[in-house]
């Protein structure tokens, strides 16, 4: 039994090229093509393909919105997102919306064919460089979350957080006062409170500690 494919891309050259190479495969059949997101949605709803190769950025309705709408009425069709953009935001949005894979358009034909077979077999498909990009994004999220939690554990007030971050960045008391429009005496009082909360009384050591949480 052949794997039925619908291709959705706003570039005719891409659509026709993908259709031509995929129809050369004995167990794959391209049953329709679309040049915008709304047409992709309607075509997939009517033809119920096994796989929808869906461009992320398209007119009328983008790929992620198209997939979300389609999943409400047909969860059987597997969606593989196609794009030239190695962008973690698109990756996260596509996977969260239910994509079975995310591929870049500069891949080899053999990679695409393999991805189609994997998706049809319920496997998540994603090239290594996309996985690396996604891992970097998740790492940044975790790092920022840890920084937030670490600063929270000291019990800093909002103003103390603001000043502690400036101390970590190397601002002196006069500069902090000028930026925040407060007196140097007020700055010294805040910094004294910050030192007490982190258990350090020397500025150089305080800078090193605070950098771990704010930079």
Protein backbone atom coordinates (compact mmCIF):
# COMPACT_ATOMS: atom_id res chain seq x y z
CA UNK A 1 0.00 0.00 0.00
CA UNK A 2 1.37 3.38 -1.02
CA UNK A 3 1.90 6.27 1.36
CA UNK A 4 -0.39 9.08 0.20
CA UNK A 5 1.18 12.55 0.31
CA UNK A 6 -0.10 16.11 0.03
CA UNK A 7 2.54 18.83 -0.49
CA UNK A 8 1.85 22.41 0.61
CA UNK A 9 4.33 25.14 -0.30
CA UNK A 10 3.86 28.62 -1.74
CA UNK A 11 6.80 28.15 -4.13
CA UNK A 12 5.84 26.27 -7.29
CA UNK A 13 9.42 25.14 -7.87
CA UNK A 14 9.54 23.47 -4.47
CA UNK A 15 6.10 21.85 -4.86
CA UNK A 16 6.84 20.52 -8.32
CA UNK A 17 10.32 19.37 -7.38
CA UNK A 18 9.13 17.46 -4.32
CA UNK A 19 6.26 15.93 -6.27
CA UNK A 20 8.58 14.78 -9.05
CA UNK A 21 11.14 13.10 -6.78
CA UNK A 22 8.60 11.53 -4.44
CA UNK A 23 6.51 10.04 -7.25
CA UNK A 24 9.63 8.15 -8.33
CA UNK A 25 9.35 6.08 -5.13
CA UNK A 26 7.40 2.84 -5.56
CA UNK A 27 5.55 3.11 -2.26
CA UNK A 28 4.84 6.86 -2.25
CA UNK A 29 2.15 8.74 -4.18
CA UNK A 30 1.60 12.51 -4.21
CA UNK A 31 -2.18 12.91 -4.38
CA UNK A 32 -2.37 16.70 -4.20
CA UNK A 33 -0.50 20.00 -3.88
CA UNK A 34 -1.43 23.34 -2.35
CA UNK A 35 0.13 26.81 -2.59
CA UNK A 36 -1.28 28.34 0.62
CA UNK A 37 -2.27 27.26 4.10
CA UNK A 38 -6.02 27.49 3.59
CA UNK A 39 -5.88 25.34 0.46
CA UNK A 40 -3.64 22.85 2.30
CA UNK A 41 -6.24 22.57 5.05
CA UNK A 42 -9.13 22.05 2.64
CA UNK A 43 -7.19 19.58 0.52
CA UNK A 44 -6.07 17.53 3.51
CA UNK A 45 -9.59 17.50 4.93
CA UNK A 46 -10.98 16.23 1.64
CA UNK A 47 -8.26 13.78 0.57
CA UNK A 48 -7.15 12.56 4.04
CA UNK A 49 -3.51 11.88 3.10
CA UNK A 50 -1.21 9.74 5.21
CA UNK A 51 1.41 12.51 5.24
CA UNK A 52 1.12 16.28 4.78
CA UNK A 53 4.38 17.99 3.87
CA UNK A 54 3.61 21.48 5.10
CA UNK A 55 5.66 24.64 4.67
CA UNK A 56 5.86 26.70 7.87
CA UNK A 57 5.46 30.11 6.21
CA UNK A 58 2.63 30.41 3.72
CA UNK A 59 0.04 33.03 2.70
CA UNK A 60 -3.55 33.08 4.01
CA UNK A 61 -2.79 30.64 6.83
CA UNK A 62 0.64 29.68 8.17
CA UNK A 63 1.70 26.08 8.55
CA UNK A 64 1.25 25.83 12.31
CA UNK A 65 -2.26 27.31 12.20
CA UNK A 66 -3.16 25.04 9.28
CA UNK A 67 -1.99 22.00 11.24
CA UNK A 68 -3.89 22.99 14.37
CA UNK A 69 -7.11 23.38 12.37
CA UNK A 70 -6.58 20.10 10.57
CA UNK A 71 -5.83 18.16 13.76
CA UNK A 72 -9.23 19.15 15.13
CA UNK A 73 -10.99 17.20 12.39
CA UNK A 74 -8.37 14.66 11.29
CA UNK A 75 -5.75 13.40 13.70
CA UNK A 76 -4.75 10.48 11.44
CA UNK A 77 -2.74 12.54 8.94
CA UNK A 78 0.90 12.89 9.97
CA UNK A 79 2.35 16.37 9.43
CA UNK A 80 5.98 17.02 8.54
CA UNK A 81 6.88 20.70 8.62
CA UNK A 82 9.20 22.02 5.90
CA UNK A 83 11.15 25.25 6.09
CA UNK A 84 14.35 27.04 5.20
CA UNK A 85 14.42 28.53 8.70
CA UNK A 86 16.43 26.73 11.37
CA UNK A 87 14.56 28.67 14.06
CA UNK A 88 13.87 27.17 17.48
CA UNK A 89 10.62 29.12 17.88
CA UNK A 90 9.19 27.53 14.76
CA UNK A 91 10.43 24.11 15.86
CA UNK A 92 8.82 24.38 19.28
CA UNK A 93 5.54 25.72 17.90
CA UNK A 94 5.36 23.02 15.24
CA UNK A 95 6.08 20.14 17.61
CA UNK A 96 3.72 21.54 20.26
CA UNK A 97 0.96 21.75 17.65
CA UNK A 98 1.37 18.06 16.84
CA UNK A 99 3.89 17.86 13.99
CA UNK A 100 5.43 14.46 13.44
CA UNK A 101 8.63 16.02 12.20
CA UNK A 102 10.44 19.15 11.18
CA UNK A 103 12.74 19.17 8.15
CA UNK A 104 14.86 21.77 6.37
CA UNK A 105 14.43 22.18 2.64
CA UNK A 106 18.15 21.78 1.94
CA UNK A 107 18.06 18.09 2.93
CA UNK A 108 18.92 15.27 0.56
CA UNK A 109 16.10 13.41 -1.20
CA UNK A 110 17.08 10.20 0.57
CA UNK A 111 16.66 11.97 3.92
CA UNK A 112 13.18 13.17 2.96
CA UNK A 113 12.09 9.72 1.81
CA UNK A 114 13.40 8.16 5.00
CA UNK A 115 11.61 10.82 7.07
CA UNK A 116 8.33 10.08 5.31
CA UNK A 117 8.65 6.38 6.07
CA UNK A 118 9.56 7.12 9.69
CA UNK A 119 6.60 9.46 10.14
CA UNK A 120 4.25 6.92 8.58
CA UNK A 121 5.62 4.45 11.13
CA UNK A 122 4.80 6.80 14.03
CA UNK A 123 8.40 7.97 14.54
CA UNK A 124 9.35 11.59 15.24
CA UNK A 125 11.58 12.84 12.43
CA UNK A 126 14.11 15.62 12.91
CA UNK A 127 17.61 16.14 11.45
CA UNK A 128 20.54 16.37 13.84
CA UNK A 129 21.14 20.11 13.31
CA UNK A 130 17.52 20.85 14.17
CA UNK A 131 17.81 18.70 17.29
CA UNK A 132 20.95 20.65 18.23
CA UNK A 133 19.14 23.96 17.76
CA UNK A 134 16.22 22.77 19.85
CA UNK A 135 18.53 21.50 22.59
CA UNK A 136 20.26 24.90 22.70
CA UNK A 137 16.91 26.64 23.05
CA UNK A 138 15.77 24.35 25.85
CA UNK A 139 19.11 24.78 27.59
CA UNK A 140 18.66 28.55 27.57
CA UNK A 141 15.16 28.19 29.02
CA UNK A 142 16.42 25.96 31.82
CA UNK A 143 19.37 28.28 32.48
CA UNK A 144 17.11 31.33 32.76
CA UNK A 145 14.70 29.44 35.00
CA UNK A 146 17.56 28.35 37.28
CA UNK A 147 18.85 31.91 37.48
CA UNK A 148 15.40 33.12 38.46
CA UNK A 149 15.00 30.43 41.11
CA UNK A 150 18.49 31.06 42.45
CA UNK A 151 17.87 34.79 42.84
CA UNK A 152 14.52 34.10 44.46
CA UNK A 153 16.06 31.94 47.15
CA UNK A 154 17.93 34.97 48.53
CA UNK A 155 14.65 36.77 49.07
CA UNK A 156 15.67 39.86 47.12
CA UNK A 157 13.10 42.60 46.69
CA UNK A 158 12.50 43.85 43.14
CA UNK A 159 14.80 46.83 43.75
CA UNK A 160 17.48 44.59 45.29
CA UNK A 161 17.33 42.32 42.22
CA UNK A 162 17.77 45.37 40.01
CA UNK A 163 20.78 46.61 41.97
CA UNK A 164 22.29 43.14 42.42
CA UNK A 165 22.21 42.64 38.65
CA UNK A 166 23.99 45.96 38.13
CA UNK A 167 26.61 45.03 40.72
CA UNK A 168 27.14 41.74 38.86
CA UNK A 169 27.64 43.73 35.64
CA UNK A 170 30.35 45.86 37.27
CA UNK A 171 28.50 49.11 37.99
CA UNK A 172 29.86 51.11 40.94
CA UNK A 173 27.62 52.80 43.51
CA UNK A 174 27.74 56.20 41.81
CA UNK A 175 26.77 54.72 38.45
CA UNK A 176 23.93 52.72 39.99
CA UNK A 177 22.61 55.84 41.73
CA UNK A 178 22.72 57.81 38.48
CA UNK A 179 20.92 55.15 36.47
CA UNK A 180 18.20 54.54 39.07
CA UNK A 181 17.85 58.20 40.13
CA UNK A 182 18.47 57.47 43.80
CA UNK A 183 21.15 58.67 46.22
CA UNK A 184 24.44 56.87 46.73
CA UNK A 185 23.48 56.44 50.37
CA UNK A 186 20.34 54.58 49.32
CA UNK A 187 22.42 52.43 47.00
CA UNK A 188 24.80 51.59 49.87
CA UNK A 189 21.86 50.58 52.05
CA UNK A 190 20.50 48.26 49.36
CA UNK A 191 23.92 46.73 48.71
CA UNK A 192 24.40 46.18 52.45
CA UNK A 193 21.10 44.28 52.49
CA UNK A 194 22.16 42.27 49.42
CA UNK A 195 25.48 41.36 51.08
CA UNK A 196 23.65 40.17 54.19
CA UNK A 197 21.29 37.99 52.17
CA UNK A 198 24.07 36.27 50.19
CA UNK A 199 26.34 36.02 53.22
CA UNK A 200 29.23 38.02 51.75
CA UNK A 201 30.68 41.35 52.88
CA UNK A 202 33.30 42.01 50.17
CA UNK A 203 32.34 43.46 46.78
CA UNK A 204 34.65 41.40 44.57
CA UNK A 205 33.32 38.15 46.03
CA UNK A 206 29.76 39.49 45.82
CA UNK A 207 30.24 40.25 42.13
CA UNK A 208 31.43 36.70 41.47
CA UNK A 209 28.47 35.22 43.33
CA UNK A 210 25.89 37.49 41.74
CA UNK A 211 27.23 36.84 38.24
CA UNK A 212 26.25 33.20 38.60
CA UNK A 213 22.63 34.28 38.97
CA UNK A 214 22.26 37.33 36.78
CA UNK A 215 24.73 36.98 33.88
